[in-house]
Amino acid sequence: MNGSNSDAFKDTKPKHEVGIVTHGLSDRGNVRDSNQDQFLIGTLRPCVHAASSSLGAEGSHPFFGEKQSDILIVADGMGGHAAGERASQLAVEYLVQRLAEQSWPSTAPDVADPSAHEEWLQGVLRDTHLQILQEAESHPERFGMGTTLTMAEIVWPRMSVLHAGDSRCYLIRDGVPIRLTTDHTLARRMVESGDLNHEDEPESRWSNVLWNVLGGRLEGELVAQVETVELHLGDVVVLCSDGLYRYVGDELLASIISEEGDSQSICRELVRVANAAGGEDNITVIVAQMLLDTGDETGRTAIQEETVVEETYGSIEVDDGTLAMLSEFDTTIDRSSST
């Protein structure tokens, strides 16, 4: 994260009870014949499953402890219809399972070592990358399958963002959009090196070429970006695939968030605008609002033309969460050659 944004996160923990109200929406778009996007909204909490009990039927349900963190994930699969769908699904499922199995909590931000947790997250993402490569090696028809992945883990007031690829995580604070992730495209590298003007980046053919994804034909070690920020009451966190932000610029994103109010309406309007502007790719977005606690639960989700699935991964509780799926590409690297 560049220095101009870092000052925005220097603050102490606010003295408020905060409710995190979220909504997720995935849409196939106007052109693709399938949706290979994945998104997941869930909460990490301790859980006891009673194998045997004298409590009767009432004691047979799982016992959940207090919420430890909120989990938001968006993944954008690539490599052809079946392969891209499988890559993004495998990435989300494996990552969530690893979160559920972690041997030490990521809670208590006043106590836990943030740098140690960041290193742990990076290691988990690299392991996820290897899982995809191993499955592709075992199934030749899936050779080259890959996916982006962007995750936000919130332990109020701290948020850790884990990222590889060109999906994005935004923080909207006081109406100002702050991009927390870097697009791992050749176009972004060219801008950073001075070989491409910033204003030419969105239309550059190199904006479709990824140099860092999970799986794919990546040579060398995966680069796992981690950013940790302090959240404020009133902040809005947005995760999205490129099918959204290629049609909805940063300023328009902030404007829609300020005008629409609740997270569900924001998601619906963002998807509507992206489709109206072309909708050539799958569109997926999660919106999380940091509000005064009113008793609303995290995890309102929707998938257009898909079925909402409720799941539990170990001690990850997916509240009305879902795995949807993302865009179809002929290669895992150059998206401009997709069909």
Protein backbone atom coordinates (compact mmCIF):
# COMPACT_ATOMS: atom_id res chain seq x y z
CA MET A 1 0.00 0.00 0.00
CA ASN A 2 1.41 3.38 -0.93
CA GLY A 3 2.28 6.00 1.64
CA SER A 4 -0.46 8.40 0.61
CA ASN A 5 -3.10 5.97 1.84
CA SER A 6 -1.38 4.68 4.97
CA ASP A 7 -2.27 7.70 7.12
CA ALA A 8 -5.95 6.90 6.64
CA PHE A 9 -5.56 3.82 8.83
CA LYS A 10 -3.82 5.33 11.86
CA ASP A 11 -6.46 5.27 14.55
CA THR A 12 -7.36 3.61 17.82
CA LYS A 13 -10.15 1.13 18.33
CA PRO A 14 -13.47 3.01 18.41
CA LYS A 15 -15.64 2.76 21.49
CA HIS A 16 -18.68 1.42 19.62
CA GLU A 17 -20.46 -1.89 19.23
CA VAL A 18 -20.10 -2.55 15.51
CA GLY A 19 -22.33 -4.72 13.37
CA ILE A 20 -20.88 -5.89 10.05
CA VAL A 21 -23.74 -6.10 7.55
CA THR A 22 -22.84 -7.85 4.30
CA HIS A 23 -24.39 -8.89 1.03
CA GLY A 24 -22.95 -10.78 -1.92
CA LEU A 25 -24.20 -11.02 -5.49
CA SER A 26 -22.92 -12.95 -8.52
CA ASP A 27 -24.25 -12.58 -12.05
CA ARG A 28 -23.37 -14.41 -15.27
CA GLY A 29 -23.39 -11.18 -17.28
CA ASN A 30 -24.71 -10.61 -20.78
CA VAL A 31 -22.23 -12.65 -22.82
CA ARG A 32 -20.84 -15.66 -20.94
CA ASP A 33 -22.82 -18.90 -21.06
CA SER A 34 -21.65 -19.90 -17.58
CA ASN A 35 -20.63 -18.29 -14.32
CA GLN A 36 -17.24 -19.41 -13.00
CA ASP A 37 -17.05 -16.81 -10.22
CA GLN A 38 -17.01 -17.90 -6.61
CA PHE A 39 -17.82 -15.86 -3.54
CA LEU A 40 -18.22 -16.71 0.11
CA ILE A 41 -19.36 -14.81 3.18
CA GLY A 42 -18.90 -16.54 6.51
CA THR A 43 -17.97 -16.31 10.17
CA LEU A 44 -15.17 -18.16 11.92
CA ARG A 45 -16.19 -19.45 15.34
CA PRO A 46 -15.44 -22.42 17.65
CA CYS A 47 -17.84 -25.30 17.21
CA VAL A 48 -18.61 -28.52 19.11
CA HIS A 49 -20.45 -31.33 17.34
CA ALA A 50 -21.93 -33.75 19.88
CA ALA A 51 -21.15 -37.33 18.81
CA SER A 52 -23.16 -38.76 21.70
CA SER A 53 -25.23 -37.07 24.39
CA SER A 54 -27.95 -37.62 26.97
CA LEU A 55 -29.45 -34.26 26.06
CA GLY A 56 -31.84 -35.76 23.53
CA ALA A 57 -32.80 -34.21 20.22
CA GLU A 58 -32.42 -30.71 21.59
CA GLY A 59 -28.77 -31.38 22.38
CA SER A 60 -27.89 -32.91 18.99
CA HIS A 61 -27.31 -29.61 17.20
CA PRO A 62 -23.82 -28.05 16.98
CA PHE A 63 -22.75 -25.70 19.76
CA PHE A 64 -21.14 -22.50 18.46
CA GLY A 65 -18.90 -20.19 20.45
CA GLU A 66 -18.50 -16.46 19.97
CA LYS A 67 -17.60 -15.21 16.52
CA GLN A 68 -13.85 -14.86 16.02
CA SER A 69 -13.80 -13.22 12.60
CA ASP A 70 -15.79 -12.41 9.46
CA ILE A 71 -14.56 -13.96 6.22
CA LEU A 72 -15.22 -12.48 2.75
CA ILE A 73 -13.84 -14.17 -0.38
CA VAL A 74 -14.07 -13.57 -4.14
CA ALA A 75 -12.37 -15.85 -6.69
CA ASP A 76 -12.27 -15.54 -10.48
CA GLY A 77 -11.56 -18.83 -12.27
CA MET A 78 -9.99 -19.21 -15.71
CA GLY A 79 -8.79 -21.89 -18.10
CA GLY A 80 -11.98 -22.92 -19.89
CA HIS A 81 -15.48 -23.60 -18.56
CA ALA A 82 -15.00 -26.75 -16.44
CA ALA A 83 -11.40 -26.03 -15.47
CA GLY A 84 -11.97 -22.43 -14.43
CA GLU A 85 -15.03 -23.37 -12.43
CA ARG A 86 -13.13 -26.12 -10.62
CA ALA A 87 -10.07 -23.93 -9.93
CA SER A 88 -12.05 -21.19 -8.20
CA GLN A 89 -14.16 -23.70 -6.28
CA LEU A 90 -11.12 -25.64 -5.09
CA ALA A 91 -9.34 -22.45 -4.04
CA VAL A 92 -12.22 -21.22 -1.90
CA GLU A 93 -12.96 -24.59 -0.33
CA TYR A 94 -9.32 -25.34 0.51
CA LEU A 95 -8.65 -21.87 1.91
CA VAL A 96 -11.77 -21.92 4.09
CA GLN A 97 -10.94 -25.38 5.40
CA ARG A 98 -7.44 -24.21 6.36
CA LEU A 99 -8.92 -21.21 8.18
CA ALA A 100 -11.21 -23.54 10.10
CA GLU A 101 -8.31 -25.81 11.05
CA GLN A 102 -5.84 -23.16 12.19
CA SER A 103 -4.32 -24.15 15.52
CA TRP A 104 -4.11 -20.63 16.94
CA PRO A 105 -6.79 -17.95 16.78
CA SER A 106 -6.53 -14.85 14.65
CA THR A 107 -8.72 -13.10 17.19
CA ALA A 108 -7.71 -10.67 19.94
CA PRO A 109 -5.89 -8.13 17.74
CA ASP A 110 -4.53 -6.48 20.89
CA VAL A 111 -2.62 -9.71 21.66
CA ALA A 112 -1.98 -11.62 18.45
CA ASP A 113 1.13 -10.81 16.42
CA PRO A 114 -0.15 -9.26 13.16
CA SER A 115 3.05 -10.03 11.25
CA ALA A 116 2.93 -13.70 12.27
CA HIS A 117 -0.68 -13.98 11.11
CA GLU A 118 0.17 -12.27 7.80
CA GLU A 119 2.95 -14.81 7.20
CA TRP A 120 0.56 -17.63 8.04
CA LEU A 121 -2.01 -16.32 5.56
CA GLN A 122 0.64 -16.05 2.83
CA GLY A 123 1.66 -19.65 3.47
CA VAL A 124 -1.93 -20.84 3.25
CA LEU A 125 -2.44 -19.06 -0.09
CA ARG A 126 0.73 -20.65 -1.48
CA ASP A 127 -0.52 -24.05 -0.30
CA THR A 128 -3.83 -23.34 -2.08
CA HIS A 129 -1.86 -22.58 -5.24
CA LEU A 130 -0.09 -25.95 -4.95
CA GLN A 131 -3.40 -27.77 -4.47
CA ILE A 132 -4.65 -26.41 -7.79
CA LEU A 133 -1.41 -27.35 -9.56
CA GLN A 134 -1.57 -30.88 -8.16
CA GLU A 135 -5.16 -31.41 -9.27
CA ALA A 136 -4.37 -30.06 -12.74
CA GLU A 137 -1.46 -32.50 -12.98
CA SER A 138 -3.77 -35.39 -12.07
CA HIS A 139 -6.41 -34.31 -14.61
CA PRO A 140 -4.83 -33.39 -17.97
CA GLU A 141 -8.11 -31.91 -19.19
CA ARG A 142 -7.71 -29.25 -16.51
CA PHE A 143 -4.12 -28.36 -17.35
CA GLY A 144 -3.52 -24.64 -16.96
CA MET A 145 -6.59 -24.01 -14.79
CA GLY A 146 -6.16 -21.09 -12.44
CA THR A 147 -7.97 -18.50 -10.39
CA THR A 148 -7.61 -15.15 -8.72
CA LEU A 149 -8.45 -14.95 -5.04
CA THR A 150 -9.09 -11.99 -2.75
CA MET A 151 -10.04 -12.50 0.89
CA ALA A 152 -10.81 -10.09 3.71
CA GLU A 153 -10.69 -11.38 7.29
CA ILE A 154 -12.15 -8.93 9.80
CA VAL A 155 -11.40 -9.08 13.52
CA TRP A 156 -12.75 -5.71 14.57
CA PRO A 157 -11.22 -3.24 14.15
CA ARG A 158 -8.49 -4.98 12.17
CA MET A 159 -8.89 -6.29 8.63
CA SER A 160 -6.35 -8.50 6.87
CA VAL A 161 -6.60 -8.68 3.08
CA LEU A 162 -5.05 -11.66 1.27
CA HIS A 163 -4.71 -11.34 -2.49
CA ALA A 164 -3.38 -12.79 -5.75
CA GLY A 165 -4.59 -11.89 -9.25
CA ASP A 166 -6.74 -8.99 -10.41
CA SER A 167 -9.88 -9.19 -8.32
CA ARG A 168 -9.98 -6.24 -5.94
CA CYS A 169 -10.64 -5.13 -2.38
CA TYR A 170 -11.71 -1.53 -1.79
CA LEU A 171 -12.15 0.45 1.39
CA ILE A 172 -14.65 3.29 1.08
CA ARG A 173 -14.08 5.81 3.87
CA ASP A 174 -15.97 9.12 4.09
CA GLY A 175 -16.96 8.71 0.45
CA VAL A 176 -13.35 8.23 -0.73
CA PRO A 177 -12.47 4.94 -2.52
CA ILE A 178 -9.14 3.42 -1.43
CA ARG A 179 -7.89 0.42 -3.41
CA LEU A 180 -6.19 -1.98 -1.00
CA THR A 181 -5.02 -4.57 -3.55
CA THR A 182 -2.75 -4.37 -6.58
CA ASP A 183 -3.82 -5.78 -9.96
CA HIS A 184 -1.28 -8.47 -10.84
CA THR A 185 -1.41 -7.67 -14.54
CA LEU A 186 1.33 -6.75 -17.00
CA ALA A 187 -0.42 -3.43 -17.61
CA ARG A 188 -0.12 -2.47 -13.93
CA ARG A 189 3.57 -3.44 -13.96
CA MET A 190 4.08 -1.27 -17.03
CA VAL A 191 2.41 1.68 -15.33
CA GLU A 192 4.60 1.22 -12.25
CA SER A 193 7.75 1.09 -14.42
CA GLY A 194 6.72 4.17 -16.42
CA ASP A 195 6.22 2.27 -19.69
CA LEU A 196 2.45 2.89 -19.81
CA ASN A 197 0.37 5.93 -18.90
CA HIS A 198 -2.07 5.38 -16.05
CA GLU A 199 -5.00 6.65 -18.14
CA ASP A 200 -4.21 4.06 -20.85
CA GLU A 201 -4.16 1.11 -18.45
CA PRO A 202 -7.86 0.10 -18.57
CA GLU A 203 -7.88 -0.20 -22.38
CA SER A 204 -4.43 -1.76 -22.72
CA ARG A 205 -4.32 -5.32 -24.07
CA TRP A 206 -1.88 -6.02 -21.24
CA SER A 207 -4.62 -5.40 -18.67
CA ASN A 208 -5.93 -8.86 -19.57
CA VAL A 209 -2.59 -10.59 -19.01
CA LEU A 210 -1.99 -11.83 -15.46
CA TRP A 211 1.49 -12.59 -14.17
CA ASN A 212 0.35 -13.89 -10.78
CA VAL A 213 -2.56 -16.30 -10.22
CA LEU A 214 -3.27 -19.44 -8.22
CA GLY A 215 -2.57 -22.44 -10.43
CA GLY A 216 -2.32 -21.61 -14.11
CA ARG A 217 1.04 -21.76 -15.84
CA LEU A 218 2.76 -19.59 -13.24
CA GLU A 219 6.52 -19.99 -13.21
CA GLY A 220 8.14 -19.55 -9.81
CA GLU A 221 6.55 -18.95 -6.42
CA LEU A 222 3.13 -17.36 -6.02
CA VAL A 223 3.22 -13.77 -4.76
CA ALA A 224 0.73 -13.54 -1.88
CA GLN A 225 -0.08 -9.89 -1.11
CA VAL A 226 -1.26 -9.13 2.43
CA GLU A 227 -2.44 -5.76 3.68
CA THR A 228 -3.62 -5.06 7.24
CA VAL A 229 -5.69 -1.96 8.01
CA GLU A 230 -7.67 -0.53 10.91
CA LEU A 231 -11.37 -0.12 10.19
CA HIS A 232 -13.60 2.73 11.37
CA LEU A 233 -17.30 2.90 12.08
CA GLY A 234 -18.97 3.88 8.80
CA ASP A 235 -16.39 2.21 6.55
CA VAL A 236 -17.56 0.07 3.65
CA VAL A 237 -15.48 -2.82 2.32
CA VAL A 238 -16.01 -4.03 -1.26
CA LEU A 239 -14.59 -7.18 -2.87
CA CYS A 240 -15.23 -7.70 -6.57
CA SER A 241 -14.10 -9.46 -9.72
CA ASP A 242 -12.86 -7.59 -12.76
CA GLY A 243 -16.24 -8.07 -14.40
CA LEU A 244 -17.48 -5.31 -12.09
CA TYR A 245 -14.68 -2.76 -11.93
CA ARG A 246 -14.01 -2.74 -15.68
CA TYR A 247 -17.40 -1.05 -15.99
CA VAL A 248 -17.67 0.67 -12.62
CA GLY A 249 -14.78 3.04 -11.92
CA ASP A 250 -13.58 3.93 -8.45
CA GLU A 251 -15.47 7.22 -8.22
CA LEU A 252 -18.71 5.70 -9.54
CA LEU A 253 -18.33 2.87 -7.04
CA ALA A 254 -18.09 5.33 -4.16
CA SER A 255 -21.04 7.33 -5.50
CA ILE A 256 -23.33 4.29 -5.75
CA ILE A 257 -22.39 3.23 -2.22
CA SER A 258 -23.25 6.66 -0.84
CA GLU A 259 -26.57 6.83 -2.70
CA GLU A 260 -27.98 3.31 -2.28
CA GLY A 261 -27.77 2.90 1.49
CA ASP A 262 -27.98 -0.79 2.40
CA SER A 263 -25.56 -3.47 1.21
CA GLN A 264 -28.15 -5.45 -0.72
CA SER A 265 -29.28 -2.42 -2.74
CA ILE A 266 -25.66 -1.46 -3.38
CA CYS A 267 -24.83 -4.91 -4.79
CA ARG A 268 -27.88 -4.94 -7.03
CA GLU A 269 -27.18 -1.48 -8.40
CA LEU A 270 -23.50 -2.24 -9.04
CA VAL A 271 -24.37 -5.37 -11.00
CA ARG A 272 -27.11 -3.54 -12.89
CA VAL A 273 -24.71 -0.76 -13.93
CA ALA A 274 -22.03 -3.23 -15.03
CA ASN A 275 -24.52 -5.17 -17.15
CA ALA A 276 -25.95 -1.96 -18.65
CA ALA A 277 -22.43 -0.92 -19.65
CA GLY A 278 -21.77 -4.20 -21.47
CA GLY A 279 -21.60 -7.09 -19.00
CA GLU A 280 -19.13 -9.02 -21.14
CA ASP A 281 -17.79 -10.95 -18.15
CA ASN A 282 -19.20 -12.55 -15.03
CA ILE A 283 -19.86 -10.00 -12.29
CA THR A 284 -19.37 -10.68 -8.59
CA VAL A 285 -19.38 -8.30 -5.64
CA ILE A 286 -19.46 -8.40 -1.85
CA VAL A 287 -20.32 -5.28 0.16
CA ALA A 288 -19.69 -5.14 3.93
CA GLN A 289 -20.82 -2.11 5.95
CA MET A 290 -19.36 -1.26 9.37
CA LEU A 291 -22.44 0.03 11.22
CA LEU A 292 -23.64 0.48 14.77
CA ASP A 293 -24.82 -2.93 15.91
CA THR A 294 -28.55 -3.31 15.27
CA GLY A 295 -28.66 -7.08 15.52
CA ASP A 296 -28.39 -7.66 11.74
CA GLU A 297 -26.38 -10.75 10.86
CA THR A 298 -23.46 -11.03 8.50
CA GLY A 299 -24.04 -13.00 5.36
CA ARG A 300 -26.95 -11.90 3.22
CA THR A 301 -26.17 -13.40 -0.17
CA ALA A 302 -27.70 -13.84 -3.56
CA ILE A 303 -26.76 -15.48 -6.82
CA GLN A 304 -28.73 -14.59 -9.89
CA GLU A 305 -29.74 -17.70 -11.86
CA GLU A 306 -27.94 -19.90 -9.34
CA THR A 307 -28.85 -21.73 -6.13
CA VAL A 308 -27.79 -20.38 -2.75
CA VAL A 309 -25.98 -23.07 -0.78
CA GLU A 310 -25.58 -23.22 2.99
CA GLU A 311 -22.43 -24.98 4.19
CA THR A 312 -20.27 -25.51 7.26
CA TYR A 313 -16.50 -25.98 6.89
CA GLY A 314 -15.18 -27.24 10.23
CA SER A 315 -15.62 -24.19 12.45
CA ILE A 316 -16.37 -21.84 9.54
CA GLU A 317 -20.06 -21.06 9.51
CA VAL A 318 -21.24 -19.83 6.13
CA ASP A 319 -24.28 -17.68 6.85
CA ASP A 320 -26.52 -18.10 3.81
CA GLY A 321 -23.20 -18.19 1.98
CA THR A 322 -22.49 -19.61 -1.39
CA LEU A 323 -20.04 -20.83 -3.91
CA ALA A 324 -20.91 -19.40 -7.29
CA MET A 325 -18.54 -19.50 -10.27
CA LEU A 326 -16.55 -17.27 -12.64
CA SER A 327 -15.59 -16.34 -16.19
CA GLU A 328 -14.57 -18.66 -19.01
CA PHE A 329 -11.16 -18.28 -20.60
CA ASP A 330 -9.15 -20.29 -23.12
CA THR A 331 -5.93 -19.65 -21.20
CA THR A 332 -5.11 -18.93 -17.60
CA ILE A 333 -3.04 -15.88 -18.39
CA ASP A 334 -4.30 -13.87 -21.38
CA ARG A 335 -7.95 -13.08 -20.84
CA SER A 336 -8.31 -11.22 -24.11
CA SER A 337 -8.27 -14.56 -25.95
CA SER A 338 -11.34 -15.87 -24.14
CA THR A 339 -14.37 -17.12 -25.99
